[in-house]
Amino acid sequence: MTTHRIFAFLPVLVTLLVLGPSAPGADLVLRYDKPATDWMTEALPIGNGSLGAMLFGGVDTVRIQFNEDSLWTGDEKDTGAYQNFGELTLELTGDDMAPLDYRRELDLTTATHRVRYRKGDVVYEREAFCSRPDGAVVLRFTASRPGRYSGTLCLTDAHRAAVQARGN
C-alpha cells in the first residue's frame, strides 16, 4: 500500500491549523474515548521526519503501522511517496472483561502517544514516541499488577516479503 507522507500526519496538521498559535499553558492534547479503526482518519501519528508510526490504541489487539524514509517510490521527476514499511500487531491474552475508563491521547507538546484503561482492578498503560537520535520507535507497556501483559507478537511486511525470526 502506497501512502503519501502528508496524509499520515493530516489529522495532526489540521488540528494545529485549527488551534492556531498556542497561549502559554494551552492544552495541546488530542483525546479519544475509544480505539481507532481507520488509519487515515482515526489512528494517531508519531514520528521524527525519518521514522514514523500510526497507532490505533486497541485494547485486546495493539496495531502499529510504521514507515521509514528510505522506503520510497518515485524519482526526481515524480513527486513519489513514502510507503508503509510494515505492521506490528500484538494480540493480548488475559481476561475477557470489557475495558473501563478508556483514554487514548496524543500530546502535541511532547509528541507522546498514550493509552490507558482499566480491567477489573488492573490499570493498563502504554506510551509510544519516536526517538531521532536512537532511530527507534519506543513502546512502553505497564500494568498496575506485574505479569498482566502477555500475548502474541506478529510482524507483517507491507510488500509481502517473508518475515522470519532466527536465533533469539
N, C-alpha and C. Protein backbone atom coordinates (compact mmCIF):
# COMPACT_ATOMS: atom_id res chain seq x y z
N MET A 1 0.84 -1.17 0.00
CA MET A 1 0.00 0.00 0.00
C MET A 1 0.89 1.23 0.00
N THR A 2 0.68 2.14 -0.92
CA THR A 2 1.45 3.36 -1.00
C THR A 2 0.68 4.47 -0.30
N THR A 3 1.38 5.20 0.54
CA THR A 3 0.73 6.32 1.21
C THR A 3 1.59 7.55 1.03
N HIS A 4 0.97 8.69 0.91
CA HIS A 4 1.71 9.93 0.86
C HIS A 4 2.00 10.37 2.29
N ARG A 5 3.20 10.81 2.52
CA ARG A 5 3.64 11.16 3.86
C ARG A 5 2.72 12.19 4.52
N ILE A 6 2.27 13.17 3.76
CA ILE A 6 1.43 14.20 4.35
C ILE A 6 0.13 13.63 4.88
N PHE A 7 -0.43 12.60 4.22
CA PHE A 7 -1.68 12.04 4.67
C PHE A 7 -1.55 11.39 6.03
N ALA A 8 -0.40 10.80 6.33
CA ALA A 8 -0.22 10.15 7.62
C ALA A 8 -0.30 11.15 8.77
N PHE A 9 0.07 12.39 8.50
CA PHE A 9 0.10 13.39 9.55
C PHE A 9 -1.02 14.42 9.40
N LEU A 10 -1.94 14.18 8.47
CA LEU A 10 -3.02 15.10 8.20
C LEU A 10 -3.88 15.42 9.42
N PRO A 11 -4.30 14.41 10.24
CA PRO A 11 -5.14 14.76 11.41
C PRO A 11 -4.46 15.74 12.36
N VAL A 12 -3.17 15.58 12.58
CA VAL A 12 -2.45 16.48 13.49
C VAL A 12 -2.27 17.84 12.83
N LEU A 13 -1.96 17.87 11.53
CA LEU A 13 -1.79 19.13 10.82
C LEU A 13 -3.06 19.95 10.84
N VAL A 14 -4.19 19.32 10.57
CA VAL A 14 -5.47 20.01 10.59
C VAL A 14 -5.75 20.55 11.99
N THR A 15 -5.48 19.75 13.00
CA THR A 15 -5.70 20.19 14.38
C THR A 15 -4.83 21.40 14.71
N LEU A 16 -3.58 21.38 14.30
CA LEU A 16 -2.69 22.51 14.57
C LEU A 16 -3.16 23.77 13.86
N LEU A 17 -3.64 23.63 12.62
CA LEU A 17 -4.14 24.79 11.89
C LEU A 17 -5.38 25.37 12.56
N VAL A 18 -6.25 24.50 13.05
CA VAL A 18 -7.47 24.96 13.71
C VAL A 18 -7.14 25.63 15.04
N LEU A 19 -6.21 25.05 15.78
CA LEU A 19 -5.85 25.61 17.08
C LEU A 19 -5.11 26.93 16.94
N GLY A 20 -4.29 27.06 15.90
CA GLY A 20 -3.50 28.26 15.71
C GLY A 20 -2.41 28.35 16.76
N PRO A 21 -1.79 29.52 16.89
CA PRO A 21 -0.72 29.67 17.89
C PRO A 21 -1.27 29.43 19.29
N SER A 22 -0.51 28.74 20.08
CA SER A 22 -1.00 28.41 21.42
C SER A 22 -0.53 29.42 22.45
N ALA A 23 -1.39 29.66 23.39
CA ALA A 23 -1.04 30.52 24.51
C ALA A 23 -0.25 29.70 25.50
N PRO A 24 0.60 30.34 26.30
CA PRO A 24 1.33 29.59 27.31
C PRO A 24 0.37 28.81 28.20
N GLY A 25 0.70 27.55 28.45
CA GLY A 25 -0.14 26.72 29.29
C GLY A 25 -1.33 26.11 28.57
N ALA A 26 -1.43 26.35 27.24
CA ALA A 26 -2.55 25.78 26.48
C ALA A 26 -2.43 24.27 26.45
N ASP A 27 -3.56 23.59 26.47
CA ASP A 27 -3.62 22.14 26.45
C ASP A 27 -3.57 21.66 25.00
N LEU A 28 -2.44 21.14 24.56
CA LEU A 28 -2.28 20.65 23.20
C LEU A 28 -2.28 19.13 23.18
N VAL A 29 -3.39 18.55 23.61
CA VAL A 29 -3.53 17.10 23.67
C VAL A 29 -4.79 16.70 22.94
N LEU A 30 -4.66 15.76 21.99
CA LEU A 30 -5.81 15.18 21.33
C LEU A 30 -6.26 14.00 22.17
N ARG A 31 -7.56 13.93 22.53
CA ARG A 31 -8.05 12.87 23.40
C ARG A 31 -9.23 12.14 22.75
N TYR A 32 -9.27 10.82 22.95
CA TYR A 32 -10.33 9.99 22.40
C TYR A 32 -10.76 8.97 23.45
N ASP A 33 -12.01 8.54 23.38
CA ASP A 33 -12.52 7.58 24.37
C ASP A 33 -12.72 6.18 23.79
N LYS A 34 -12.13 5.92 22.63
CA LYS A 34 -12.19 4.58 22.03
C LYS A 34 -11.01 4.39 21.09
N PRO A 35 -10.65 3.14 20.81
CA PRO A 35 -9.56 2.86 19.87
C PRO A 35 -9.92 3.30 18.46
N ALA A 36 -8.90 3.51 17.64
CA ALA A 36 -9.09 3.86 16.23
C ALA A 36 -9.42 2.61 15.43
N THR A 37 -10.22 2.78 14.39
CA THR A 37 -10.48 1.68 13.48
C THR A 37 -9.95 1.98 12.08
N ASP A 38 -9.80 3.26 11.72
CA ASP A 38 -9.34 3.67 10.40
C ASP A 38 -8.02 4.42 10.52
N TRP A 39 -7.01 4.01 9.75
CA TRP A 39 -5.69 4.64 9.88
C TRP A 39 -5.70 6.06 9.35
N MET A 40 -6.50 6.36 8.35
CA MET A 40 -6.46 7.69 7.73
C MET A 40 -7.12 8.76 8.58
N THR A 41 -8.19 8.41 9.27
CA THR A 41 -8.95 9.44 9.98
C THR A 41 -8.92 9.31 11.50
N GLU A 42 -8.48 8.17 12.03
CA GLU A 42 -8.56 7.97 13.48
C GLU A 42 -7.24 7.60 14.15
N ALA A 43 -6.37 6.86 13.48
CA ALA A 43 -5.09 6.48 14.08
C ALA A 43 -4.26 7.74 14.31
N LEU A 44 -3.45 7.73 15.36
CA LEU A 44 -2.65 8.90 15.71
C LEU A 44 -1.19 8.70 15.31
N PRO A 45 -0.58 9.71 14.67
CA PRO A 45 0.80 9.58 14.19
C PRO A 45 1.82 10.03 15.22
N ILE A 46 2.94 9.32 15.22
CA ILE A 46 4.14 9.79 15.91
C ILE A 46 5.26 9.71 14.88
N GLY A 47 6.26 10.53 15.00
CA GLY A 47 7.35 10.47 14.04
C GLY A 47 8.35 11.58 14.24
N ASN A 48 9.47 11.43 13.53
CA ASN A 48 10.55 12.40 13.67
C ASN A 48 11.12 12.85 12.33
N GLY A 49 10.42 12.63 11.25
CA GLY A 49 10.88 13.05 9.94
C GLY A 49 11.50 11.93 9.15
N SER A 50 12.11 10.98 9.80
CA SER A 50 12.69 9.84 9.08
C SER A 50 12.05 8.52 9.48
N LEU A 51 11.41 8.48 10.62
CA LEU A 51 10.78 7.27 11.13
C LEU A 51 9.43 7.66 11.71
N GLY A 52 8.40 6.87 11.41
CA GLY A 52 7.09 7.22 11.92
C GLY A 52 6.21 6.01 12.13
N ALA A 53 5.12 6.21 12.85
CA ALA A 53 4.18 5.12 13.12
C ALA A 53 2.79 5.70 13.28
N MET A 54 1.81 4.88 12.93
CA MET A 54 0.40 5.20 13.15
C MET A 54 -0.09 4.24 14.23
N LEU A 55 -0.62 4.78 15.32
CA LEU A 55 -1.04 3.98 16.46
C LEU A 55 -2.56 3.98 16.57
N PHE A 56 -3.11 2.78 16.76
CA PHE A 56 -4.56 2.61 16.79
C PHE A 56 -5.13 2.57 18.21
N GLY A 57 -4.33 2.21 19.19
CA GLY A 57 -4.77 2.24 20.58
C GLY A 57 -5.74 1.15 20.98
N GLY A 58 -5.66 -0.02 20.35
CA GLY A 58 -6.55 -1.12 20.68
C GLY A 58 -6.34 -1.66 22.08
N VAL A 59 -7.32 -2.39 22.58
CA VAL A 59 -7.24 -2.97 23.92
C VAL A 59 -6.72 -4.41 23.83
N ASP A 60 -7.43 -5.29 23.15
CA ASP A 60 -7.01 -6.68 23.02
C ASP A 60 -6.07 -6.90 21.84
N THR A 61 -6.12 -6.01 20.86
CA THR A 61 -5.21 -6.05 19.71
C THR A 61 -4.53 -4.71 19.60
N VAL A 62 -3.22 -4.70 19.74
CA VAL A 62 -2.42 -3.49 19.60
C VAL A 62 -1.88 -3.50 18.18
N ARG A 63 -2.23 -2.47 17.39
CA ARG A 63 -1.85 -2.40 15.98
C ARG A 63 -1.03 -1.14 15.74
N ILE A 64 0.16 -1.34 15.14
CA ILE A 64 1.06 -0.22 14.86
C ILE A 64 1.58 -0.36 13.44
N GLN A 65 1.21 0.58 12.57
CA GLN A 65 1.79 0.63 11.23
C GLN A 65 3.00 1.55 11.31
N PHE A 66 4.08 1.18 10.61
CA PHE A 66 5.27 2.02 10.68
C PHE A 66 5.90 2.21 9.31
N ASN A 67 6.66 3.31 9.19
CA ASN A 67 7.40 3.56 7.97
C ASN A 67 8.74 4.20 8.30
N GLU A 68 9.63 4.15 7.31
CA GLU A 68 10.98 4.69 7.43
C GLU A 68 11.29 5.35 6.10
N ASP A 69 12.00 6.50 6.13
CA ASP A 69 12.10 7.32 4.93
C ASP A 69 12.89 6.72 3.76
N SER A 70 13.61 5.64 3.96
CA SER A 70 14.32 5.04 2.83
C SER A 70 13.39 4.19 1.96
N LEU A 71 12.18 3.90 2.44
CA LEU A 71 11.22 3.13 1.67
C LEU A 71 10.38 4.12 0.87
N TRP A 72 10.79 4.36 -0.35
CA TRP A 72 10.28 5.44 -1.18
C TRP A 72 10.03 4.92 -2.58
N THR A 73 9.04 5.45 -3.24
CA THR A 73 8.80 5.16 -4.65
C THR A 73 8.80 6.48 -5.41
N GLY A 74 9.28 6.45 -6.64
CA GLY A 74 9.34 7.67 -7.44
C GLY A 74 10.78 8.01 -7.78
N ASP A 75 10.96 9.12 -8.49
CA ASP A 75 12.29 9.59 -8.87
C ASP A 75 12.30 11.10 -8.85
N GLU A 76 13.39 11.70 -9.39
CA GLU A 76 13.49 13.16 -9.33
C GLU A 76 12.44 13.87 -10.17
N LYS A 77 11.84 13.19 -11.17
CA LYS A 77 10.80 13.80 -12.00
C LYS A 77 9.41 13.61 -11.40
N ASP A 78 9.25 12.61 -10.56
CA ASP A 78 7.96 12.28 -9.96
C ASP A 78 8.03 12.66 -8.48
N THR A 79 6.96 13.23 -7.95
CA THR A 79 6.98 13.59 -6.53
C THR A 79 7.13 12.37 -5.63
N GLY A 80 6.68 11.22 -6.09
CA GLY A 80 6.85 9.99 -5.33
C GLY A 80 6.05 9.98 -4.05
N ALA A 81 6.30 8.95 -3.25
CA ALA A 81 5.57 8.79 -2.00
C ALA A 81 6.32 7.85 -1.07
N TYR A 82 6.20 8.11 0.21
CA TYR A 82 6.69 7.16 1.20
C TYR A 82 5.75 5.97 1.20
N GLN A 83 6.27 4.81 1.51
CA GLN A 83 5.45 3.60 1.54
C GLN A 83 5.41 3.05 2.96
N ASN A 84 4.31 2.41 3.27
CA ASN A 84 4.18 1.73 4.55
C ASN A 84 5.23 0.62 4.59
N PHE A 85 6.02 0.57 5.63
CA PHE A 85 7.06 -0.44 5.77
C PHE A 85 6.47 -1.76 6.24
N GLY A 86 5.63 -1.69 7.26
CA GLY A 86 5.05 -2.91 7.80
C GLY A 86 4.09 -2.61 8.93
N GLU A 87 3.66 -3.68 9.58
CA GLU A 87 2.73 -3.55 10.68
C GLU A 87 3.10 -4.51 11.79
N LEU A 88 3.08 -3.99 12.99
CA LEU A 88 3.33 -4.78 14.18
C LEU A 88 1.99 -4.96 14.88
N THR A 89 1.62 -6.21 15.16
CA THR A 89 0.36 -6.50 15.84
C THR A 89 0.65 -7.34 17.08
N LEU A 90 0.09 -6.95 18.19
CA LEU A 90 0.23 -7.69 19.43
C LEU A 90 -1.17 -8.12 19.87
N GLU A 91 -1.41 -9.42 19.85
CA GLU A 91 -2.69 -9.98 20.32
C GLU A 91 -2.52 -10.29 21.80
N LEU A 92 -3.16 -9.52 22.65
CA LEU A 92 -3.02 -9.68 24.09
C LEU A 92 -3.96 -10.77 24.60
N THR A 93 -3.47 -11.55 25.53
CA THR A 93 -4.28 -12.59 26.15
C THR A 93 -4.59 -12.19 27.58
N GLY A 94 -5.57 -12.81 28.15
CA GLY A 94 -5.93 -12.48 29.53
C GLY A 94 -7.42 -12.56 29.70
N ASP A 95 -7.93 -11.74 30.60
CA ASP A 95 -9.36 -11.78 30.90
C ASP A 95 -10.20 -11.22 29.74
N ASP A 96 -11.45 -11.59 29.72
CA ASP A 96 -12.39 -11.15 28.69
C ASP A 96 -13.24 -9.97 29.15
N MET A 97 -12.82 -9.32 30.21
CA MET A 97 -13.59 -8.20 30.74
C MET A 97 -13.56 -7.02 29.76
N ALA A 98 -14.63 -6.26 29.75
CA ALA A 98 -14.68 -5.04 28.94
C ALA A 98 -13.82 -3.97 29.61
N PRO A 99 -13.10 -3.19 28.82
CA PRO A 99 -12.29 -2.13 29.43
C PRO A 99 -13.16 -0.99 29.95
N LEU A 100 -12.73 -0.39 31.03
CA LEU A 100 -13.41 0.77 31.62
C LEU A 100 -12.44 1.95 31.62
N ASP A 101 -12.99 3.15 31.64
CA ASP A 101 -12.20 4.38 31.73
C ASP A 101 -11.14 4.46 30.63
N TYR A 102 -11.49 4.05 29.41
CA TYR A 102 -10.55 4.06 28.29
C TYR A 102 -10.21 5.49 27.88
N ARG A 103 -8.92 5.73 27.65
CA ARG A 103 -8.46 7.03 27.16
C ARG A 103 -7.28 6.82 26.23
N ARG A 104 -7.33 7.45 25.07
CA ARG A 104 -6.24 7.42 24.08
C ARG A 104 -5.92 8.87 23.78
N GLU A 105 -4.62 9.21 23.75
CA GLU A 105 -4.27 10.61 23.53
C GLU A 105 -2.92 10.77 22.84
N LEU A 106 -2.80 11.92 22.21
CA LEU A 106 -1.53 12.33 21.62
C LEU A 106 -1.20 13.70 22.17
N ASP A 107 -0.12 13.79 22.92
CA ASP A 107 0.34 15.07 23.48
C ASP A 107 1.20 15.73 22.42
N LEU A 108 0.72 16.82 21.84
CA LEU A 108 1.44 17.50 20.76
C LEU A 108 2.67 18.25 21.26
N THR A 109 2.73 18.55 22.55
CA THR A 109 3.90 19.23 23.11
C THR A 109 5.08 18.28 23.26
N THR A 110 4.82 17.05 23.71
CA THR A 110 5.90 16.07 23.93
C THR A 110 5.97 15.01 22.84
N ALA A 111 5.02 15.04 21.88
CA ALA A 111 4.96 14.04 20.79
C ALA A 111 4.87 12.62 21.34
N THR A 112 4.09 12.46 22.40
CA THR A 112 3.93 11.16 23.06
C THR A 112 2.50 10.68 22.92
N HIS A 113 2.35 9.42 22.52
CA HIS A 113 1.04 8.77 22.40
C HIS A 113 0.83 7.95 23.67
N ARG A 114 -0.39 8.00 24.24
CA ARG A 114 -0.70 7.23 25.45
C ARG A 114 -2.05 6.55 25.32
N VAL A 115 -2.15 5.36 25.90
CA VAL A 115 -3.41 4.64 26.03
C VAL A 115 -3.49 4.21 27.49
N ARG A 116 -4.68 4.38 28.07
CA ARG A 116 -4.89 3.97 29.47
C ARG A 116 -6.31 3.44 29.59
N TYR A 117 -6.45 2.31 30.29
CA TYR A 117 -7.77 1.74 30.56
C TYR A 117 -7.66 0.82 31.76
N ARG A 118 -8.82 0.40 32.26
CA ARG A 118 -8.87 -0.47 33.43
C ARG A 118 -9.70 -1.70 33.09
N LYS A 119 -9.23 -2.85 33.56
CA LYS A 119 -9.98 -4.09 33.50
C LYS A 119 -9.97 -4.66 34.92
N GLY A 120 -11.13 -4.68 35.55
CA GLY A 120 -11.18 -5.10 36.95
C GLY A 120 -10.38 -4.13 37.80
N ASP A 121 -9.47 -4.67 38.61
CA ASP A 121 -8.65 -3.80 39.46
C ASP A 121 -7.27 -3.52 38.86
N VAL A 122 -7.08 -3.86 37.59
CA VAL A 122 -5.79 -3.63 36.93
C VAL A 122 -5.89 -2.46 35.97
N VAL A 123 -4.96 -1.50 36.10
CA VAL A 123 -4.87 -0.36 35.19
C VAL A 123 -3.74 -0.64 34.21
N TYR A 124 -4.06 -0.57 32.92
CA TYR A 124 -3.09 -0.80 31.84
C TYR A 124 -2.74 0.54 31.20
N GLU A 125 -1.44 0.71 30.93
CA GLU A 125 -0.99 1.94 30.28
C GLU A 125 0.06 1.60 29.23
N ARG A 126 0.02 2.37 28.13
CA ARG A 126 1.03 2.26 27.08
C ARG A 126 1.45 3.66 26.67
N GLU A 127 2.74 3.80 26.39
CA GLU A 127 3.27 5.06 25.88
C GLU A 127 4.10 4.74 24.65
N ALA A 128 4.13 5.68 23.69
CA ALA A 128 4.94 5.50 22.49
C ALA A 128 5.45 6.85 22.00
N PHE A 129 6.67 6.86 21.48
CA PHE A 129 7.24 8.05 20.85
C PHE A 129 8.35 7.59 19.91
N CYS A 130 8.77 8.49 19.03
CA CYS A 130 9.89 8.20 18.12
C CYS A 130 11.12 8.95 18.61
N SER A 131 12.24 8.26 18.67
CA SER A 131 13.49 8.88 19.07
C SER A 131 14.38 9.04 17.84
N ARG A 132 14.63 10.27 17.45
CA ARG A 132 15.50 10.51 16.29
C ARG A 132 16.95 10.10 16.58
N PRO A 133 17.53 10.47 17.73
CA PRO A 133 18.93 10.08 17.98
C PRO A 133 19.12 8.55 17.99
N ASP A 134 18.12 7.82 18.47
CA ASP A 134 18.25 6.37 18.56
C ASP A 134 17.70 5.66 17.33
N GLY A 135 17.00 6.38 16.45
CA GLY A 135 16.41 5.77 15.26
C GLY A 135 15.45 4.67 15.63
N ALA A 136 14.57 4.95 16.60
CA ALA A 136 13.71 3.89 17.12
C ALA A 136 12.32 4.43 17.46
N VAL A 137 11.33 3.56 17.25
CA VAL A 137 10.00 3.79 17.81
C VAL A 137 10.02 3.11 19.17
N VAL A 138 9.74 3.86 20.21
CA VAL A 138 9.84 3.35 21.58
C VAL A 138 8.43 3.08 22.11
N LEU A 139 8.21 1.86 22.60
CA LEU A 139 6.92 1.46 23.17
C LEU A 139 7.15 1.03 24.62
N ARG A 140 6.31 1.52 25.52
CA ARG A 140 6.41 1.14 26.93
C ARG A 140 5.04 0.66 27.39
N PHE A 141 4.97 -0.59 27.86
CA PHE A 141 3.73 -1.20 28.34
C PHE A 141 3.85 -1.39 29.85
N THR A 142 2.90 -0.88 30.62
CA THR A 142 2.92 -1.09 32.07
C THR A 142 1.52 -1.47 32.54
N ALA A 143 1.47 -2.17 33.66
CA ALA A 143 0.20 -2.53 34.29
C ALA A 143 0.38 -2.38 35.80
N SER A 144 -0.72 -2.10 36.49
CA SER A 144 -0.64 -1.87 37.94
C SER A 144 -0.35 -3.16 38.70
N ARG A 145 -0.47 -4.32 38.06
CA ARG A 145 -0.08 -5.59 38.67
C ARG A 145 0.89 -6.29 37.74
N PRO A 146 2.01 -6.80 38.28
CA PRO A 146 3.04 -7.44 37.44
C PRO A 146 2.50 -8.65 36.67
N GLY A 147 3.07 -8.87 35.48
CA GLY A 147 2.76 -10.04 34.68
C GLY A 147 1.42 -10.01 33.97
N ARG A 148 0.79 -8.85 33.86
CA ARG A 148 -0.54 -8.78 33.26
C ARG A 148 -0.51 -8.62 31.74
N TYR A 149 0.60 -8.16 31.19
CA TYR A 149 0.72 -8.07 29.73
C TYR A 149 1.31 -9.36 29.21
N SER A 150 0.58 -10.04 28.36
CA SER A 150 1.05 -11.27 27.74
C SER A 150 0.33 -11.41 26.41
N GLY A 151 0.99 -11.98 25.43
CA GLY A 151 0.32 -12.14 24.15
C GLY A 151 1.24 -12.63 23.06
N THR A 152 0.76 -12.55 21.83
CA THR A 152 1.49 -13.00 20.65
C THR A 152 1.81 -11.80 19.77
N LEU A 153 3.05 -11.71 19.37
CA LEU A 153 3.53 -10.62 18.54
C LEU A 153 3.64 -11.08 17.10
N CYS A 154 3.15 -10.26 16.17
CA CYS A 154 3.20 -10.60 14.74
C CYS A 154 3.73 -9.40 13.98
N LEU A 155 4.69 -9.64 13.10
CA LEU A 155 5.25 -8.61 12.24
C LEU A 155 4.87 -8.94 10.81
N THR A 156 4.25 -7.99 10.12
CA THR A 156 3.83 -8.18 8.73
C THR A 156 4.52 -7.15 7.85
N ASP A 157 5.11 -7.61 6.77
CA ASP A 157 5.73 -6.72 5.80
C ASP A 157 4.66 -6.21 4.85
N ALA A 158 4.66 -4.92 4.54
CA ALA A 158 3.63 -4.34 3.68
C ALA A 158 3.82 -4.72 2.21
N HIS A 159 4.94 -5.36 1.89
CA HIS A 159 5.24 -5.70 0.50
C HIS A 159 5.29 -7.20 0.28
N ARG A 160 4.69 -7.94 1.17
CA ARG A 160 4.54 -9.39 1.10
C ARG A 160 5.86 -10.16 1.15
N ALA A 161 6.87 -9.58 1.74
CA ALA A 161 8.13 -10.31 1.93
C ALA A 161 7.96 -11.26 3.12
N ALA A 162 8.73 -12.33 3.11
CA ALA A 162 8.69 -13.29 4.20
C ALA A 162 9.34 -12.67 5.44
N VAL A 163 8.70 -12.82 6.58
CA VAL A 163 9.25 -12.34 7.85
C VAL A 163 9.69 -13.56 8.64
N GLN A 164 10.96 -13.57 9.07
CA GLN A 164 11.50 -14.72 9.79
C GLN A 164 12.21 -14.26 11.06
N ALA A 165 12.14 -15.10 12.07
CA ALA A 165 12.90 -14.87 13.30
C ALA A 165 13.98 -15.96 13.35
N ARG A 166 15.19 -15.55 13.68
CA ARG A 166 16.30 -16.52 13.76
C ARG A 166 16.99 -16.37 15.11
N GLY A 167 17.34 -17.49 15.68
CA GLY A 167 18.03 -17.45 16.98
C GLY A 167 17.14 -16.84 18.03
N ASN A 168 17.71 -15.95 18.81
CA ASN A 168 16.95 -15.27 19.85
C ASN A 168 16.40 -13.95 19.33
